[in-house]
Amino acid sequence: MERETIVEGVPADSVKLQAVPVRGIETTLQGSILVLIQFDVAEEIRLDELRKIFSARTAGASFKHPAPGYVQYQRPPVMEPIEKLVLDSGERLDGQIKYYDYGVLSVVFELPFKGEWEDLVRLSGRWVWDTDFTALASKIVKKRLERARPALIKPYDNWLHEDYFIFHVREMASKPSGNEVLKSHGDQIAQIVRGETLPLSDGERQEILQGRISYYPNDLAVIGWNAAFLYDSIAGAETAIQLLEYANSQLLEFRHYDELLTRELEGVYDFLENGGTSLWSRWRTANAATKLHTVLLDVDELTEHADNAIKFLSDMFSARLYKLAASRIGVPDYKDLVQQKLKTAEELYHFMVDQFNQSRAFVLELMVVVILVIELVMLFRGKPGF
């Protein structure tokens, strides 16, 4: 019999999904759902200035097991609580904003839940595809940035954004191991990660479950491109949540640099196609080459900044977890695109400099010839009888 989801009066801090008893092992779940909405709003954010404006606190890195102090953010993001978000369904979500120094804002909404696997599958399908969290978060961010503007360096008019969902189960009534959860509920986990309410094919299920990792026998993380399923304690899951948030912010930054380089390369190609290689037009290539080289240096610096914002020098599990998260989300793909375009831009820069140097050499040679002709004319004009 299909279980019925009941909202019990919509309490202020959570929505309870009523569990219906089943025969055999009790499968009631407890945990929370997190929605990460990230915006790329500026080239950089002065975090010290921002703390003065908001009187906000700094977020530190957390790890699966005790780690020394040097395993941390190079510049920890500033964190600020925001008002509860109330959906049309009556669900009330706690929220906070994290400000990263490389210009990214991360809005995090959280809803505690209690229910069955079927409840979580239905909820994931509704939230992933039917709820426009980006529009809701955008309204909040615009209000915050009005006050934060003095801390923004080169704010953008148009924002790129990324969203990501984390379904965190911290307790199961039977307290199974991670392998047992995967074996008995792999189908539902795959649906949750994809946001699908219908059963998936064996091939799709296997592909999704390949993105899994565990540290202890009683924890499990299954990571997809748009969502992740975590079975862990609150403290244990914090590692994965922070790394998923960081990986998504990196994806957002590399998307921005990819679009920036695409625009710059298109401008250079247009310049070269519209006479930029003609003899006299080559003099203008110096300015175009200088502008392109400035963009290259800026992108190199900013990508390195975003790429090295957090270190895992003595926590190998966190490093492996981040590598898996980044690969499933698509960070390496966009990073490769940026690197390829940087290489192309570097080659174009050298080509344009060569063109300018050739033009300058030609003009210098021409000036020498003109001077020689003038001297010869003056010489012959000065002879008697000429």
Protein backbone atom coordinates (compact mmCIF):
# COMPACT_ATOMS: atom_id res chain seq x y z
CA MET A 1 0.00 0.00 0.00
CA GLU A 2 1.31 3.43 -0.88
CA ARG A 3 2.26 5.52 2.12
CA GLU A 4 0.65 8.92 2.58
CA THR A 5 2.76 11.98 3.37
CA ILE A 6 1.16 14.13 6.08
CA VAL A 7 2.26 17.63 7.08
CA GLU A 8 1.69 17.93 10.80
CA GLY A 9 0.75 21.56 11.36
CA VAL A 10 3.95 22.86 9.68
CA PRO A 11 6.05 23.52 12.80
CA ALA A 12 8.36 26.52 12.78
CA ASP A 13 11.59 24.58 12.37
CA SER A 14 10.78 21.49 10.28
CA VAL A 15 8.28 19.43 8.36
CA LYS A 16 7.58 15.95 9.72
CA LEU A 17 6.80 13.24 7.21
CA GLN A 18 4.67 10.67 9.06
CA ALA A 19 6.18 7.21 8.88
CA VAL A 20 3.86 4.25 8.25
CA PRO A 21 4.94 1.00 9.94
CA VAL A 22 6.13 -1.78 7.62
CA ARG A 23 6.71 -5.46 8.23
CA GLY A 24 10.22 -6.60 8.98
CA ILE A 25 13.04 -4.12 9.49
CA GLU A 26 11.98 -0.60 10.43
CA THR A 27 13.19 1.84 7.79
CA THR A 28 12.28 5.26 9.18
CA LEU A 29 14.79 7.95 8.16
CA GLN A 30 15.81 11.15 9.91
CA GLY A 31 17.97 13.87 8.51
CA SER A 32 17.84 17.07 6.52
CA ILE A 33 17.79 18.35 2.96
CA LEU A 34 20.15 21.13 1.94
CA VAL A 35 19.78 23.33 -1.13
CA LEU A 36 22.94 25.14 -2.29
CA ILE A 37 22.36 28.12 -4.60
CA GLN A 38 25.54 29.90 -5.65
CA PHE A 39 26.04 33.15 -7.54
CA ASP A 40 29.17 34.63 -9.11
CA VAL A 41 28.65 38.32 -8.29
CA ALA A 42 32.07 39.99 -8.45
CA GLU A 43 35.71 39.51 -9.31
CA GLU A 44 36.59 39.58 -5.63
CA ILE A 45 35.05 40.28 -2.21
CA ARG A 46 36.97 42.05 0.55
CA LEU A 47 36.08 39.77 3.45
CA ASP A 48 37.53 42.05 6.14
CA GLU A 49 35.37 44.91 4.87
CA LEU A 50 32.36 42.59 4.72
CA ARG A 51 32.77 41.53 8.36
CA LYS A 52 32.62 45.15 9.41
CA ILE A 53 29.44 45.71 7.38
CA PHE A 54 27.55 42.62 8.54
CA SER A 55 29.33 41.83 11.82
CA ALA A 56 29.35 38.29 10.43
CA ARG A 57 31.39 35.32 11.58
CA THR A 58 34.01 33.35 9.67
CA ALA A 59 33.35 29.76 8.58
CA GLY A 60 36.14 27.28 9.19
CA ALA A 61 36.83 23.97 7.51
CA SER A 62 35.74 20.74 9.21
CA PHE A 63 37.21 17.29 8.63
CA LYS A 64 36.33 13.65 9.11
CA HIS A 65 38.87 13.21 11.87
CA PRO A 66 41.05 15.64 13.84
CA ALA A 67 43.39 17.56 11.55
CA PRO A 68 46.09 20.16 12.25
CA GLY A 69 45.34 23.84 11.94
CA TYR A 70 47.07 24.27 8.60
CA VAL A 71 44.43 22.11 6.90
CA GLN A 72 41.97 24.90 6.29
CA TYR A 73 40.65 27.57 3.96
CA GLN A 74 43.34 30.00 2.92
CA ARG A 75 40.77 32.77 3.37
CA PRO A 76 37.76 31.37 5.25
CA PRO A 77 34.40 32.54 3.89
CA VAL A 78 32.24 34.93 5.89
CA MET A 79 28.93 33.43 7.02
CA GLU A 80 25.69 35.27 7.75
CA PRO A 81 22.29 33.84 8.83
CA ILE A 82 19.21 34.88 6.86
CA GLU A 83 15.48 34.78 7.51
CA LYS A 84 13.53 31.54 7.08
CA LEU A 85 12.33 30.74 3.58
CA VAL A 86 8.65 29.73 3.47
CA LEU A 87 7.60 27.77 0.37
CA ASP A 88 4.10 27.71 -1.12
CA SER A 89 3.76 24.20 0.30
CA GLY A 90 4.21 25.60 3.82
CA GLU A 91 7.69 24.15 4.32
CA ARG A 92 9.95 26.46 6.33
CA LEU A 93 13.66 26.36 5.58
CA ASP A 94 16.50 27.75 7.66
CA GLY A 95 19.05 29.71 5.66
CA GLN A 96 22.50 31.25 5.62
CA ILE A 97 24.84 32.95 3.14
CA LYS A 98 28.56 32.32 2.72
CA TYR A 99 30.73 34.94 1.02
CA TYR A 100 33.91 33.66 -0.67
CA ASP A 101 36.78 36.04 -1.36
CA TYR A 102 36.88 35.04 -5.05
CA GLY A 103 33.49 36.66 -5.66
CA VAL A 104 31.05 33.79 -5.07
CA LEU A 105 28.02 33.87 -2.77
CA SER A 106 26.60 30.57 -1.52
CA VAL A 107 23.03 30.54 -0.21
CA VAL A 108 22.22 27.42 1.82
CA PHE A 109 18.66 26.42 2.72
CA GLU A 110 17.99 23.50 5.08
CA LEU A 111 14.85 21.50 5.89
CA PRO A 112 14.85 18.81 8.62
CA PHE A 113 12.77 15.73 7.78
CA LYS A 114 11.57 12.42 9.15
CA GLY A 115 9.95 9.77 6.98
CA GLU A 116 10.36 6.77 4.69
CA TRP A 117 12.40 6.16 1.56
CA GLU A 118 9.39 6.74 -0.68
CA ASP A 119 8.80 10.09 1.02
CA LEU A 120 12.37 11.18 0.35
CA VAL A 121 12.16 10.06 -3.31
CA ARG A 122 9.00 12.11 -3.85
CA LEU A 123 10.44 15.11 -2.06
CA SER A 124 13.65 15.02 -4.13
CA GLY A 125 11.64 14.90 -7.38
CA ARG A 126 9.56 17.89 -6.32
CA TRP A 127 12.45 20.01 -5.08
CA VAL A 128 14.98 19.26 -7.82
CA TRP A 129 12.63 19.93 -10.74
CA ASP A 130 9.53 21.77 -9.55
CA THR A 131 10.80 24.40 -7.08
CA ASP A 132 12.65 27.47 -8.38
CA PHE A 133 15.07 27.97 -5.51
CA THR A 134 17.34 30.11 -7.70
CA ALA A 135 14.68 32.82 -8.09
CA LEU A 136 13.95 32.76 -4.36
CA ALA A 137 17.63 32.99 -3.44
CA SER A 138 18.26 35.74 -6.00
CA LYS A 139 15.82 38.07 -4.24
CA ILE A 140 17.63 37.56 -0.94
CA VAL A 141 21.07 38.07 -2.48
CA LYS A 142 20.09 41.32 -4.20
CA LYS A 143 19.02 42.82 -0.87
CA ARG A 144 22.24 41.70 0.85
CA LEU A 145 24.47 43.05 -1.91
CA GLU A 146 22.99 46.53 -1.60
CA ARG A 147 24.69 46.76 1.78
CA ALA A 148 27.75 44.72 0.79
CA ARG A 149 28.59 46.78 -2.33
CA PRO A 150 31.55 48.63 -0.68
CA ALA A 151 33.23 45.21 -0.21
CA LEU A 152 32.82 44.13 -3.85
CA ILE A 153 35.64 44.51 -6.38
CA LYS A 154 34.41 44.85 -9.96
CA PRO A 155 30.83 43.63 -9.37
CA TYR A 156 29.13 41.91 -12.33
CA ASP A 157 25.88 43.07 -13.89
CA ASN A 158 24.86 39.52 -14.86
CA TRP A 159 25.34 36.62 -12.45
CA LEU A 160 26.08 33.04 -13.32
CA HIS A 161 24.54 30.60 -10.86
CA GLU A 162 24.68 26.93 -9.85
CA ASP A 163 22.29 24.90 -7.70
CA TYR A 164 22.93 21.64 -5.87
CA PHE A 165 20.91 19.43 -3.52
CA ILE A 166 22.21 17.35 -0.62
CA PHE A 167 19.97 14.70 0.96
CA HIS A 168 21.52 13.91 4.32
CA VAL A 169 20.24 10.91 6.31
CA ARG A 170 21.79 10.93 9.76
CA GLU A 171 19.74 8.14 11.37
CA MET A 172 17.99 4.93 10.33
CA ALA A 173 16.02 2.96 12.88
CA SER A 174 17.88 -0.33 12.21
CA LYS A 175 21.30 1.41 12.15
CA PRO A 176 22.58 -0.43 9.04
CA SER A 177 26.08 -0.14 7.63
CA GLY A 178 26.79 1.84 4.49
CA ASN A 179 27.08 -1.35 2.41
CA GLU A 180 23.75 -2.61 3.73
CA VAL A 181 22.07 0.68 2.85
CA LEU A 182 23.52 0.54 -0.64
CA LYS A 183 22.49 -3.08 -1.13
CA SER A 184 18.92 -2.74 0.13
CA HIS A 185 18.11 0.80 -1.06
CA GLY A 186 20.43 1.44 -4.02
CA ASP A 187 17.45 1.95 -6.34
CA GLN A 188 15.96 4.69 -4.14
CA ILE A 189 19.35 6.36 -3.62
CA ALA A 190 19.84 6.55 -7.39
CA GLN A 191 16.39 8.10 -7.80
CA ILE A 192 17.08 10.64 -5.04
CA VAL A 193 20.42 11.69 -6.58
CA ARG A 194 18.78 12.13 -10.00
CA GLY A 195 15.58 13.70 -8.64
CA GLU A 196 13.49 11.02 -10.39
CA THR A 197 10.28 9.56 -8.98
CA LEU A 198 10.20 6.70 -11.51
CA PRO A 199 12.54 3.66 -11.31
CA LEU A 200 15.77 4.00 -13.29
CA SER A 201 17.37 1.49 -15.65
CA ASP A 202 20.09 -0.83 -14.36
CA GLY A 203 22.72 1.01 -16.40
CA GLU A 204 21.75 4.44 -15.07
CA ARG A 205 21.54 3.09 -11.53
CA GLN A 206 25.04 1.59 -11.78
CA GLU A 207 26.47 4.80 -13.24
CA ILE A 208 25.06 6.87 -10.37
CA LEU A 209 26.21 4.48 -7.65
CA GLN A 210 29.77 4.48 -9.03
CA GLY A 211 30.11 7.92 -7.47
CA ARG A 212 30.19 6.53 -3.92
CA ILE A 213 32.77 6.76 -1.16
CA SER A 214 32.96 5.74 2.53
CA TYR A 215 35.40 6.27 5.38
CA TYR A 216 33.84 4.23 8.19
CA PRO A 217 31.64 1.11 7.78
CA ASN A 218 28.57 3.08 8.90
CA ASP A 219 28.78 6.02 6.50
CA LEU A 220 28.15 6.47 2.78
CA ALA A 221 28.26 9.31 0.24
CA VAL A 222 26.82 8.96 -3.28
CA ILE A 223 27.63 12.01 -5.37
CA GLY A 224 25.97 13.04 -8.64
CA TRP A 225 26.26 16.06 -10.93
CA ASN A 226 23.17 17.81 -9.49
CA ALA A 227 22.64 16.19 -6.08
CA ALA A 228 24.23 13.95 -3.46
CA PHE A 229 23.01 11.43 -0.90
CA LEU A 230 24.81 11.29 2.45
CA TYR A 231 24.37 8.68 5.18
CA ASP A 232 26.41 9.91 8.11
CA SER A 233 26.31 11.69 11.45
CA ILE A 234 25.90 15.44 11.53
CA ALA A 235 29.59 15.97 12.29
CA GLY A 236 30.70 13.43 9.68
CA ALA A 237 28.50 14.82 6.92
CA GLU A 238 29.82 18.35 7.46
CA THR A 239 33.02 17.43 5.61
CA ALA A 240 31.17 16.30 2.49
CA ILE A 241 28.78 19.27 2.62
CA GLN A 242 31.61 21.81 2.75
CA LEU A 243 33.56 20.10 -0.02
CA LEU A 244 30.48 19.83 -2.26
CA GLU A 245 29.84 23.52 -1.67
CA TYR A 246 33.46 24.37 -2.50
CA ALA A 247 33.47 22.19 -5.65
CA ASN A 248 30.31 23.86 -6.92
CA SER A 249 31.82 27.31 -6.33
CA GLN A 250 34.85 26.23 -8.37
CA LEU A 251 32.58 25.05 -11.18
CA LEU A 252 30.89 28.44 -11.14
CA GLU A 253 34.22 30.26 -11.34
CA PHE A 254 35.52 28.15 -14.23
CA ARG A 255 32.24 28.69 -16.08
CA HIS A 256 32.76 32.43 -15.67
CA TYR A 257 36.35 32.29 -16.96
CA ASP A 258 35.26 30.09 -19.86
CA GLU A 259 32.66 32.67 -20.93
CA LEU A 260 35.10 35.55 -20.39
CA LEU A 261 37.79 33.94 -22.55
CA THR A 262 35.22 33.05 -25.21
CA ARG A 263 34.22 36.72 -25.48
CA GLU A 264 37.83 37.90 -25.58
CA LEU A 265 38.83 35.38 -28.26
CA GLU A 266 35.81 36.28 -30.38
CA GLY A 267 36.84 39.95 -30.17
CA VAL A 268 40.39 39.12 -31.27
CA TYR A 269 39.16 36.98 -34.17
CA ASP A 270 36.84 39.79 -35.30
CA PHE A 271 39.72 42.27 -35.14
CA LEU A 272 42.00 40.03 -37.21
CA GLU A 273 39.29 39.24 -39.76
CA ASN A 274 38.41 42.93 -40.23
CA GLY A 275 41.79 44.00 -41.48
CA GLY A 276 43.85 43.51 -38.37
CA THR A 277 46.56 41.74 -40.40
CA SER A 278 46.96 44.47 -43.03
CA LEU A 279 50.21 46.38 -43.01
CA TRP A 280 48.99 49.65 -41.51
CA SER A 281 46.37 48.06 -39.25
CA ARG A 282 49.07 46.02 -37.55
CA TRP A 283 50.01 49.09 -35.53
CA ARG A 284 46.69 48.71 -33.71
CA THR A 285 47.51 45.14 -32.75
CA ALA A 286 49.76 46.42 -29.95
CA ASN A 287 46.79 47.69 -27.95
CA ALA A 288 44.73 44.57 -28.72
CA ALA A 289 47.63 42.31 -27.72
CA THR A 290 48.20 44.25 -24.49
CA LYS A 291 44.51 43.96 -23.57
CA LEU A 292 44.52 40.21 -24.30
CA HIS A 293 47.66 39.68 -22.23
CA THR A 294 46.12 41.57 -19.30
CA VAL A 295 43.09 39.25 -19.43
CA LEU A 296 45.41 36.22 -19.51
CA LEU A 297 47.27 37.36 -16.41
CA ASP A 298 44.03 38.15 -14.57
CA VAL A 299 42.47 34.76 -15.39
CA ASP A 300 45.66 32.92 -14.42
CA GLU A 301 45.75 34.69 -11.06
CA LEU A 302 42.04 34.30 -10.31
CA THR A 303 41.85 30.64 -11.34
CA GLU A 304 44.82 29.82 -9.16
CA HIS A 305 43.15 31.73 -6.32
CA ALA A 306 39.89 29.77 -6.64
CA ASP A 307 41.70 26.48 -7.26
CA ASN A 308 43.80 26.71 -4.10
CA ALA A 309 41.28 28.21 -1.69
CA ILE A 310 41.31 25.08 0.50
CA LYS A 311 44.06 22.60 1.31
CA PHE A 312 44.02 18.96 2.44
CA LEU A 313 47.68 18.53 3.32
CA SER A 314 47.13 15.87 6.00
CA ASP A 315 43.60 14.62 5.34
CA MET A 316 43.73 12.19 2.44
CA PHE A 317 40.09 11.13 2.72
CA SER A 318 38.96 14.73 2.33
CA ALA A 319 41.22 15.06 -0.70
CA ARG A 320 39.73 11.91 -2.25
CA LEU A 321 36.22 13.03 -1.42
CA TYR A 322 36.83 16.41 -3.04
CA LYS A 323 38.36 14.80 -6.13
CA LEU A 324 35.29 12.57 -6.53
CA ALA A 325 32.90 15.48 -5.96
CA ALA A 326 34.72 17.71 -8.44
CA SER A 327 34.79 15.02 -11.13
CA ARG A 328 31.09 14.16 -10.74
CA ILE A 329 30.06 17.82 -10.77
CA GLY A 330 32.18 18.61 -13.82
CA VAL A 331 34.92 20.87 -12.46
CA PRO A 332 37.78 19.20 -14.40
CA ASP A 333 35.86 19.51 -17.69
CA TYR A 334 35.42 23.27 -17.35
CA LYS A 335 38.95 23.65 -16.02
CA ASP A 336 40.27 21.90 -19.15
CA LEU A 337 38.18 24.22 -21.34
CA VAL A 338 39.66 27.25 -19.58
CA GLN A 339 43.19 25.88 -19.93
CA GLN A 340 42.68 25.21 -23.64
CA LYS A 341 41.38 28.73 -24.23
CA LEU A 342 44.23 30.19 -22.21
CA LYS A 343 46.65 28.31 -24.46
CA THR A 344 44.84 29.57 -27.58
CA ALA A 345 44.86 33.13 -26.24
CA GLU A 346 48.59 32.86 -25.46
CA GLU A 347 49.28 31.73 -29.03
CA LEU A 348 47.18 34.58 -30.42
CA TYR A 349 49.00 37.05 -28.22
CA HIS A 350 52.39 35.93 -29.56
CA PHE A 351 51.04 36.02 -33.13
CA MET A 352 49.79 39.59 -32.67
CA VAL A 353 53.08 40.69 -31.11
CA ASP A 354 54.97 39.17 -34.06
CA GLN A 355 52.68 40.98 -36.48
CA PHE A 356 53.31 44.27 -34.69
CA ASN A 357 57.08 43.71 -34.61
CA GLN A 358 57.10 42.93 -38.33
CA SER A 359 55.18 46.14 -39.05
CA ARG A 360 57.51 48.17 -36.87
CA ALA A 361 60.57 46.67 -38.54
CA PHE A 362 59.11 47.42 -41.98
CA VAL A 363 58.37 51.04 -41.05
CA LEU A 364 61.85 51.49 -39.59
CA GLU A 365 63.39 50.08 -42.77
CA LEU A 366 61.16 52.35 -44.84
CA MET A 367 62.22 55.36 -42.78
CA VAL A 368 65.89 54.47 -43.34
CA VAL A 369 65.29 54.24 -47.09
CA VAL A 370 63.46 57.61 -47.12
CA ILE A 371 66.30 59.24 -45.19
CA LEU A 372 68.84 57.81 -47.62
CA VAL A 373 66.82 59.06 -50.60
CA ILE A 374 66.59 62.54 -49.06
CA GLU A 375 70.33 62.59 -48.41
CA LEU A 376 71.04 61.49 -51.97
CA VAL A 377 68.75 64.16 -53.37
CA MET A 378 70.41 66.83 -51.25
CA LEU A 379 73.81 65.52 -52.27
CA PHE A 380 73.11 65.66 -56.00
CA ARG A 381 71.38 69.04 -55.71
CA GLY A 382 74.49 70.44 -54.08
CA LYS A 383 76.83 69.49 -57.03
CA PRO A 384 77.80 72.20 -59.56
CA GLY A 385 75.79 72.01 -62.77
CA PHE A 386 73.22 69.70 -61.35
